[in-house]
């Protein structure tokens, strides 16, 4: 499935490795890009496949920004895109 390949949780796990208690800026930027890609893929499924919200959650699971909030990464909207900041 395209979503599993492009928004791999294994890759996200690697990006979450902290250095001196903080996630580095490059990893934070990559995680933000993955969050945006996740949202685009979900939107495409809703539009093209007529998914309901229940089906979206069944096939894709929780949105990445929700998963990453468990790691003190807070989403904020900047110019129509999601940017993660570390709490």
PDB file of N, CA and C in Angstrom:
ATOM      1  N   UNK A   1       0.846  -1.172   0.000  1.00  0.00           N
ATOM      2  CA  UNK A   1       0.000   0.000   0.000  1.00  0.00           C
ATOM      3  C   UNK A   1       0.899   1.246   0.000  1.00  0.00           C
ATOM      4  N   UNK A   2       0.531   2.210  -0.777  1.00  0.00           N
ATOM      5  CA  UNK A   2       1.328   3.432  -0.938  1.00  0.00           C
ATOM      6  C   UNK A   2       1.552   4.147   0.395  1.00  0.00           C
ATOM      7  N   UNK A   3       0.531   4.208   1.204  1.00  0.00           N
ATOM      8  CA  UNK A   3       0.635   4.906   2.486  1.00  0.00           C
ATOM      9  C   UNK A   3       1.678   4.250   3.377  1.00  0.00           C
ATOM     10  N   UNK A   4       1.668   2.929   3.451  1.00  0.00           N
ATOM     11  CA  UNK A   4       2.637   2.206   4.284  1.00  0.00           C
ATOM     12  C   UNK A   4       4.067   2.449   3.814  1.00  0.00           C
ATOM     13  N   UNK A   5       4.240   2.537   2.500  1.00  0.00           N
ATOM     14  CA  UNK A   5       5.571   2.739   1.943  1.00  0.00           C
ATOM     15  C   UNK A   5       6.058   4.170   2.182  1.00  0.00           C
ATOM     16  N   UNK A   6       5.213   5.152   1.945  1.00  0.00           N
ATOM     17  CA  UNK A   6       5.634   6.547   2.012  1.00  0.00           C
ATOM     18  C   UNK A   6       5.588   7.139   3.424  1.00  0.00           C
ATOM     19  N   UNK A   7       4.846   6.521   4.308  1.00  0.00           N
ATOM     20  CA  UNK A   7       4.723   7.024   5.693  1.00  0.00           C
ATOM     21  C   UNK A   7       5.058   5.919   6.682  1.00  0.00           C
ATOM     22  N   UNK A   8       6.160   5.256   6.451  1.00  0.00           N
ATOM     23  CA  UNK A   8       6.581   4.098   7.223  1.00  0.00           C
ATOM     24  C   UNK A   8       6.826   4.443   8.695  1.00  0.00           C
ATOM     25  N   UNK A   9       6.194   3.676   9.564  1.00  0.00           N
ATOM     26  CA  UNK A   9       6.416   3.882  11.000  1.00  0.00           C
ATOM     27  C   UNK A   9       7.836   3.503  11.412  1.00  0.00           C
ATOM     28  N   UNK A  10       8.465   2.578  10.695  1.00  0.00           N
ATOM     29  CA  UNK A  10       9.846   2.216  11.001  1.00  0.00           C
ATOM     30  C   UNK A  10      10.774   3.402  10.736  1.00  0.00           C
ATOM     31  N   UNK A  11      10.535   4.115   9.631  1.00  0.00           N
ATOM     32  CA  UNK A  11      11.333   5.297   9.311  1.00  0.00           C
ATOM     33  C   UNK A  11      11.082   6.402  10.339  1.00  0.00           C
ATOM     34  N   UNK A  12       9.848   6.551  10.735  1.00  0.00           N
ATOM     35  CA  UNK A  12       9.499   7.553  11.748  1.00  0.00           C
ATOM     36  C   UNK A  12      10.214   7.247  13.055  1.00  0.00           C
ATOM     37  N   UNK A  13      10.286   5.974  13.403  1.00  0.00           N
ATOM     38  CA  UNK A  13      10.990   5.569  14.626  1.00  0.00           C
ATOM     39  C   UNK A  13      12.448   6.016  14.584  1.00  0.00           C
ATOM     40  N   UNK A  14      13.092   5.870  13.444  1.00  0.00           N
ATOM     41  CA  UNK A  14      14.483   6.300  13.307  1.00  0.00           C
ATOM     42  C   UNK A  14      14.616   7.812  13.472  1.00  0.00           C
ATOM     43  N   UNK A  15      13.654   8.551  12.955  1.00  0.00           N
ATOM     44  CA  UNK A  15      13.706  10.009  13.049  1.00  0.00           C
ATOM     45  C   UNK A  15      13.461  10.512  14.476  1.00  0.00           C
ATOM     46  N   UNK A  16      12.836   9.702  15.292  1.00  0.00           N
ATOM     47  CA  UNK A  16      12.506  10.110  16.661  1.00  0.00           C
ATOM     48  C   UNK A  16      13.658   9.950  17.644  1.00  0.00           C
ATOM     49  N   UNK A  17      14.775   9.421  17.190  1.00  0.00           N
ATOM     50  CA  UNK A  17      15.929   9.244  18.078  1.00  0.00           C
ATOM     51  C   UNK A  17      16.414  10.625  18.522  1.00  0.00           C
ATOM     52  N   UNK A  18      16.471  10.795  19.816  1.00  0.00           N
ATOM     53  CA  UNK A  18      16.827  12.101  20.374  1.00  0.00           C
ATOM     54  C   UNK A  18      18.331  12.210  20.598  1.00  0.00           C
ATOM     55  N   UNK A  19      18.816  13.421  20.456  1.00  0.00           N
ATOM     56  CA  UNK A  19      20.207  13.722  20.752  1.00  0.00           C
ATOM     57  C   UNK A  19      20.198  14.815  21.818  1.00  0.00           C
ATOM     58  N   UNK A  20      20.764  14.533  22.951  1.00  0.00           N
ATOM     59  CA  UNK A  20      20.763  15.467  24.081  1.00  0.00           C
ATOM     60  C   UNK A  20      19.345  15.883  24.469  1.00  0.00           C
ATOM     61  N   UNK A  21      18.415  14.928  24.428  1.00  0.00           N
ATOM     62  CA  UNK A  21      17.051  15.189  24.862  1.00  0.00           C
ATOM     63  C   UNK A  21      16.167  15.878  23.848  1.00  0.00           C
ATOM     64  N   UNK A  22      16.664  16.146  22.650  1.00  0.00           N
ATOM     65  CA  UNK A  22      15.857  16.831  21.642  1.00  0.00           C
ATOM     66  C   UNK A  22      16.010  16.134  20.289  1.00  0.00           C
ATOM     67  N   UNK A  23      14.980  16.202  19.499  1.00  0.00           N
ATOM     68  CA  UNK A  23      15.024  15.680  18.136  1.00  0.00           C
ATOM     69  C   UNK A  23      15.703  16.737  17.279  1.00  0.00           C
ATOM     70  N   UNK A  24      16.649  16.331  16.429  1.00  0.00           N
ATOM     71  CA  UNK A  24      17.371  17.333  15.650  1.00  0.00           C
ATOM     72  C   UNK A  24      16.458  18.006  14.617  1.00  0.00           C
ATOM     73  N   UNK A  25      16.847  19.184  14.151  1.00  0.00           N
ATOM     74  CA  UNK A  25      16.011  19.995  13.260  1.00  0.00           C
ATOM     75  C   UNK A  25      15.715  19.298  11.937  1.00  0.00           C
ATOM     76  N   UNK A  26      16.708  18.597  11.396  1.00  0.00           N
ATOM     77  CA  UNK A  26      16.479  17.889  10.133  1.00  0.00           C
ATOM     78  C   UNK A  26      15.421  16.808  10.290  1.00  0.00           C
ATOM     79  N   UNK A  27      15.491  16.064  11.376  1.00  0.00           N
ATOM     80  CA  UNK A  27      14.497  15.025  11.633  1.00  0.00           C
ATOM     81  C   UNK A  27      13.123  15.633  11.847  1.00  0.00           C
ATOM     82  N   UNK A  28      13.068  16.748  12.546  1.00  0.00           N
ATOM     83  CA  UNK A  28      11.791  17.425  12.779  1.00  0.00           C
ATOM     84  C   UNK A  28      11.175  17.891  11.465  1.00  0.00           C
ATOM     85  N   UNK A  29      12.008  18.386  10.560  1.00  0.00           N
ATOM     86  CA  UNK A  29      11.523  18.813   9.241  1.00  0.00           C
ATOM     87  C   UNK A  29      11.022  17.611   8.438  1.00  0.00           C
ATOM     88  N   UNK A  30      11.755  16.489   8.491  1.00  0.00           N
ATOM     89  CA  UNK A  30      11.326  15.286   7.778  1.00  0.00           C
ATOM     90  C   UNK A  30      10.018  14.738   8.351  1.00  0.00           C
ATOM     91  N   UNK A  31       9.893  14.767   9.675  1.00  0.00           N
ATOM     92  CA  UNK A  31       8.647  14.317  10.302  1.00  0.00           C
ATOM     93  C   UNK A  31       7.478  15.204   9.888  1.00  0.00           C
ATOM     94  N   UNK A  32       7.712  16.495   9.795  1.00  0.00           N
ATOM     95  CA  UNK A  32       6.667  17.417   9.346  1.00  0.00           C
ATOM     96  C   UNK A  32       6.237  17.087   7.921  1.00  0.00           C
ATOM     97  N   UNK A  33       7.199  16.781   7.058  1.00  0.00           N
ATOM     98  CA  UNK A  33       6.880  16.409   5.672  1.00  0.00           C
ATOM     99  C   UNK A  33       6.050  15.126   5.631  1.00  0.00           C
ATOM    100  N   UNK A  34       6.402  14.167   6.480  1.00  0.00           N
ATOM    101  CA  UNK A  34       5.643  12.917   6.531  1.00  0.00           C
ATOM    102  C   UNK A  34       4.215  13.148   7.010  1.00  0.00           C
ATOM    103  N   UNK A  35       4.046  14.025   7.978  1.00  0.00           N
ATOM    104  CA  UNK A  35       2.704  14.357   8.464  1.00  0.00           C
ATOM    105  C   UNK A  35       1.878  14.949   7.327  1.00  0.00           C
ATOM    106  N   UNK A  36       2.472  15.855   6.565  1.00  0.00           N
ATOM    107  CA  UNK A  36       1.754  16.465   5.447  1.00  0.00           C
ATOM    108  C   UNK A  36       1.439  15.437   4.360  1.00  0.00           C
ATOM    109  N   UNK A  37       2.372  14.538   4.079  1.00  0.00           N
ATOM    110  CA  UNK A  37       2.137  13.488   3.085  1.00  0.00           C
ATOM    111  C   UNK A  37       1.002  12.571   3.541  1.00  0.00           C
ATOM    112  N   UNK A  38       1.009  12.226   4.826  1.00  0.00           N
ATOM    113  CA  UNK A  38      -0.051  11.397   5.403  1.00  0.00           C
ATOM    114  C   UNK A  38      -1.410  12.056   5.184  1.00  0.00           C
ATOM    115  N   UNK A  39      -1.506  13.338   5.446  1.00  0.00           N
ATOM    116  CA  UNK A  39      -2.775  14.042   5.290  1.00  0.00           C
ATOM    117  C   UNK A  39      -3.208  14.112   3.822  1.00  0.00           C
ATOM    118  N   UNK A  40      -2.249  14.286   2.915  1.00  0.00           N
ATOM    119  CA  UNK A  40      -2.571  14.312   1.478  1.00  0.00           C
ATOM    120  C   UNK A  40      -3.111  12.955   1.029  1.00  0.00           C
ATOM    121  N   UNK A  41      -2.445  11.881   1.432  1.00  0.00           N
ATOM    122  CA  UNK A  41      -2.896  10.545   1.037  1.00  0.00           C
ATOM    123  C   UNK A  41      -4.286  10.239   1.586  1.00  0.00           C
ATOM    124  N   UNK A  42      -4.556  10.677   2.792  1.00  0.00           N
ATOM    125  CA  UNK A  42      -5.882  10.484   3.377  1.00  0.00           C
ATOM    126  C   UNK A  42      -6.932  11.288   2.605  1.00  0.00           C
ATOM    127  N   UNK A  43      -6.594  12.512   2.253  1.00  0.00           N
ATOM    128  CA  UNK A  43      -7.525  13.359   1.492  1.00  0.00           C
ATOM    129  C   UNK A  43      -7.823  12.751   0.123  1.00  0.00           C
ATOM    130  N   UNK A  44      -6.788  12.219  -0.512  1.00  0.00           N
ATOM    131  CA  UNK A  44      -6.982  11.567  -1.811  1.00  0.00           C
ATOM    132  C   UNK A  44      -7.915  10.365  -1.682  1.00  0.00           C
ATOM    133  N   UNK A  45      -7.748   9.583  -0.643  1.00  0.00           N
ATOM    134  CA  UNK A  45      -8.614   8.418  -0.429  1.00  0.00           C
ATOM    135  C   UNK A  45     -10.051   8.858  -0.189  1.00  0.00           C
ATOM    136  N   UNK A  46     -10.221   9.919   0.588  1.00  0.00           N
ATOM    137  CA  UNK A  46     -11.576  10.412   0.845  1.00  0.00           C
ATOM    138  C   UNK A  46     -12.226  10.899  -0.443  1.00  0.00           C
ATOM    139  N   UNK A  47     -11.465  11.605  -1.273  1.00  0.00           N
ATOM    140  CA  UNK A  47     -12.005  12.177  -2.506  1.00  0.00           C
ATOM    141  C   UNK A  47     -12.193  11.128  -3.605  1.00  0.00           C
ATOM    142  N   UNK A  48     -11.186  10.297  -3.821  1.00  0.00           N
ATOM    143  CA  UNK A  48     -11.206   9.373  -4.963  1.00  0.00           C
ATOM    144  C   UNK A  48     -11.922   8.058  -4.684  1.00  0.00           C
ATOM    145  N   UNK A  49     -11.898   7.615  -3.461  1.00  0.00           N
ATOM    146  CA  UNK A  49     -12.486   6.318  -3.123  1.00  0.00           C
ATOM    147  C   UNK A  49     -13.772   6.445  -2.321  1.00  0.00           C
ATOM    148  N   UNK A  50     -14.185   7.676  -2.083  1.00  0.00           N
ATOM    149  CA  UNK A  50     -15.397   7.951  -1.309  1.00  0.00           C
ATOM    150  C   UNK A  50     -15.376   7.282   0.060  1.00  0.00           C
ATOM    151  N   UNK A  51     -14.186   7.274   0.678  1.00  0.00           N
ATOM    152  CA  UNK A  51     -14.054   6.718   2.023  1.00  0.00           C
ATOM    153  C   UNK A  51     -14.856   7.547   3.013  1.00  0.00           C
ATOM    154  N   UNK A  52     -15.444   6.876   3.957  1.00  0.00           N
ATOM    155  CA  UNK A  52     -15.994   7.560   5.115  1.00  0.00           C
ATOM    156  C   UNK A  52     -14.850   7.746   6.107  1.00  0.00           C
ATOM    157  N   UNK A  53     -15.058   8.534   7.124  1.00  0.00           N
ATOM    158  CA  UNK A  53     -14.029   8.715   8.148  1.00  0.00           C
ATOM    159  C   UNK A  53     -13.695   7.383   8.815  1.00  0.00           C
ATOM    160  N   UNK A  54     -14.715   6.556   9.054  1.00  0.00           N
ATOM    161  CA  UNK A  54     -14.467   5.245   9.671  1.00  0.00           C
ATOM    162  C   UNK A  54     -13.568   4.364   8.801  1.00  0.00           C
ATOM    163  N   UNK A  55     -13.808   4.373   7.483  1.00  0.00           N
ATOM    164  CA  UNK A  55     -12.971   3.573   6.587  1.00  0.00           C
ATOM    165  C   UNK A  55     -11.551   4.122   6.523  1.00  0.00           C
ATOM    166  N   UNK A  56     -11.445   5.438   6.511  1.00  0.00           N
ATOM    167  CA  UNK A  56     -10.110   6.050   6.503  1.00  0.00           C
ATOM    168  C   UNK A  56      -9.308   5.585   7.715  1.00  0.00           C
ATOM    169  N   UNK A  57      -9.913   5.660   8.883  1.00  0.00           N
ATOM    170  CA  UNK A  57      -9.220   5.254  10.104  1.00  0.00           C
ATOM    171  C   UNK A  57      -8.917   3.755  10.113  1.00  0.00           C
ATOM    172  N   UNK A  58      -9.810   2.959   9.535  1.00  0.00           N
ATOM    173  CA  UNK A  58      -9.586   1.518   9.464  1.00  0.00           C
ATOM    174  C   UNK A  58      -8.371   1.207   8.589  1.00  0.00           C
ATOM    175  N   UNK A  59      -8.293   1.818   7.410  1.00  0.00           N
ATOM    176  CA  UNK A  59      -7.198   1.524   6.478  1.00  0.00           C
ATOM    177  C   UNK A  59      -5.884   2.211   6.838  1.00  0.00           C
ATOM    178  N   UNK A  60      -5.947   3.437   7.322  1.00  0.00           N
ATOM    179  CA  UNK A  60      -4.728   4.207   7.565  1.00  0.00           C
ATOM    180  C   UNK A  60      -4.314   4.272   9.032  1.00  0.00           C
ATOM    181  N   UNK A  61      -5.207   3.955   9.942  1.00  0.00           N
ATOM    182  CA  UNK A  61      -4.901   4.105  11.362  1.00  0.00           C
ATOM    183  C   UNK A  61      -4.970   5.564  11.780  1.00  0.00           C
ATOM    184  N   UNK A  62      -4.460   5.833  12.958  1.00  0.00           N
ATOM    185  CA  UNK A  62      -4.476   7.209  13.453  1.00  0.00           C
ATOM    186  C   UNK A  62      -3.588   8.098  12.593  1.00  0.00           C
ATOM    187  N   UNK A  63      -3.974   9.356  12.404  1.00  0.00           N
ATOM    188  CA  UNK A  63      -3.111  10.279  11.651  1.00  0.00           C
ATOM    189  C   UNK A  63      -1.746  10.413  12.345  1.00  0.00           C
ATOM    190  N   UNK A  64      -0.712  10.615  11.540  1.00  0.00           N
ATOM    191  CA  UNK A  64       0.644  10.698  12.092  1.00  0.00           C
ATOM    192  C   UNK A  64       0.788  11.821  13.112  1.00  0.00           C
ATOM    193  N   UNK A  65       0.115  12.953  12.888  1.00  0.00           N
ATOM    194  CA  UNK A  65       0.263  14.037  13.862  1.00  0.00           C
ATOM    195  C   UNK A  65      -0.284  13.634  15.222  1.00  0.00           C
ATOM    196  N   UNK A  66      -1.282  12.740  15.252  1.00  0.00           N
ATOM    197  CA  UNK A  66      -1.800  12.235  16.529  1.00  0.00           C
ATOM    198  C   UNK A  66      -0.793  11.289  17.175  1.00  0.00           C
ATOM    199  N   UNK A  67      -0.194  10.428  16.384  1.00  0.00           N
ATOM    200  CA  UNK A  67       0.810   9.496  16.901  1.00  0.00           C
ATOM    201  C   UNK A  67       2.000  10.274  17.457  1.00  0.00           C
ATOM    202  N   UNK A  68       2.458  11.278  16.705  1.00  0.00           N
ATOM    203  CA  UNK A  68       3.642  12.036  17.113  1.00  0.00           C
ATOM    204  C   UNK A  68       3.389  12.940  18.314  1.00  0.00           C
ATOM    205  N   UNK A  69       2.149  13.249  18.591  1.00  0.00           N
ATOM    206  CA  UNK A  69       1.851  14.067  19.776  1.00  0.00           C
ATOM    207  C   UNK A  69       2.239  13.324  21.060  1.00  0.00           C
ATOM    208  N   UNK A  70       2.315  11.999  20.990  1.00  0.00           N
ATOM    209  CA  UNK A  70       2.751  11.206  22.145  1.00  0.00           C
ATOM    210  C   UNK A  70       4.224  11.421  22.464  1.00  0.00           C
ATOM    211  N   UNK A  71       4.957  11.995  21.504  1.00  0.00           N
ATOM    212  CA  UNK A  71       6.385  12.248  21.666  1.00  0.00           C
ATOM    213  C   UNK A  71       6.661  13.739  21.849  1.00  0.00           C
ATOM    214  N   UNK A  72       5.655  14.449  22.347  1.00  0.00           N
ATOM    215  CA  UNK A  72       5.757  15.887  22.628  1.00  0.00           C
ATOM    216  C   UNK A  72       6.037  16.711  21.373  1.00  0.00           C
ATOM    217  N   UNK A  73       5.522  16.245  20.230  1.00  0.00           N
ATOM    218  CA  UNK A  73       5.617  17.002  18.990  1.00  0.00           C
ATOM    219  C   UNK A  73       4.241  17.578  18.694  1.00  0.00           C
ATOM    220  N   UNK A  74       4.189  18.877  18.631  1.00  0.00           N
ATOM    221  CA  UNK A  74       2.909  19.574  18.504  1.00  0.00           C
ATOM    222  C   UNK A  74       2.754  20.122  17.092  1.00  0.00           C
ATOM    223  N   UNK A  75       1.618  19.779  16.441  1.00  0.00           N
ATOM    224  CA  UNK A  75       1.400  20.306  15.096  1.00  0.00           C
ATOM    225  C   UNK A  75       0.868  21.737  15.147  1.00  0.00           C
ATOM    226  N   UNK A  76       1.341  22.543  14.193  1.00  0.00           N
ATOM    227  CA  UNK A  76       0.761  23.874  14.022  1.00  0.00           C
ATOM    228  C   UNK A  76       0.699  24.148  12.527  1.00  0.00           C
ATOM    229  N   UNK A  77      -0.295  24.921  12.133  1.00  0.00           N
ATOM    230  CA  UNK A  77      -0.463  25.222  10.725  1.00  0.00           C
ATOM    231  C   UNK A  77       0.334  26.461  10.359  1.00  0.00           C
ATOM    232  N   UNK A  78       1.122  26.349   9.296  1.00  0.00           N
ATOM    233  CA  UNK A  78       1.911  27.457   8.790  1.00  0.00           C
ATOM    234  C   UNK A  78       1.720  27.481   7.274  1.00  0.00           C
ATOM    235  N   UNK A  79       1.083  28.525   6.789  1.00  0.00           N
ATOM    236  CA  UNK A  79       0.854  28.665   5.340  1.00  0.00           C
ATOM    237  C   UNK A  79       0.174  27.451   4.725  1.00  0.00           C
ATOM    238  N   UNK A  80      -0.829  26.922   5.407  1.00  0.00           N
ATOM    239  CA  UNK A  80      -1.612  25.799   4.877  1.00  0.00           C
ATOM    240  C   UNK A  80      -0.956  24.444   5.015  1.00  0.00           C
ATOM    241  N   UNK A  81       0.168  24.371   5.695  1.00  0.00           N
ATOM    242  CA  UNK A  81       0.855  23.091   5.923  1.00  0.00           C
ATOM    243  C   UNK A  81       1.048  22.896   7.415  1.00  0.00           C
ATOM    244  N   UNK A  82       1.269  21.647   7.790  1.00  0.00           N
ATOM    245  CA  UNK A  82       1.508  21.320   9.198  1.00  0.00           C
ATOM    246  C   UNK A  82       3.022  21.353   9.439  1.00  0.00           C
ATOM    247  N   UNK A  83       3.402  22.011  10.517  1.00  0.00           N
ATOM    248  CA  UNK A  83       4.791  22.055  10.959  1.00  0.00           C
ATOM    249  C   UNK A  83       4.801  21.553  12.396  1.00  0.00           C
ATOM    250  N   UNK A  84       5.696  20.643  12.698  1.00  0.00           N
ATOM    251  CA  UNK A  84       5.810  20.106  14.057  1.00  0.00           C
ATOM    252  C   UNK A  84       6.820  20.927  14.844  1.00  0.00           C
ATOM    253  N   UNK A  85       6.458  21.190  16.086  1.00  0.00           N
ATOM    254  CA  UNK A  85       7.397  21.829  17.007  1.00  0.00           C
ATOM    255  C   UNK A  85       7.518  20.918  18.226  1.00  0.00           C
ATOM    256  N   UNK A  86       8.681  20.959  18.839  1.00  0.00           N
ATOM    257  CA  UNK A  86       8.918  20.115  20.006  1.00  0.00           C
ATOM    258  C   UNK A  86       8.532  20.874  21.253  1.00  0.00           C
ATOM    259  N   UNK A  87       7.735  20.211  22.091  1.00  0.00           N
ATOM    260  CA  UNK A  87       7.266  20.821  23.335  1.00  0.00           C
ATOM    261  C   UNK A  87       8.360  20.796  24.373  1.00  0.00           C
TER     262      UNK A  87
END
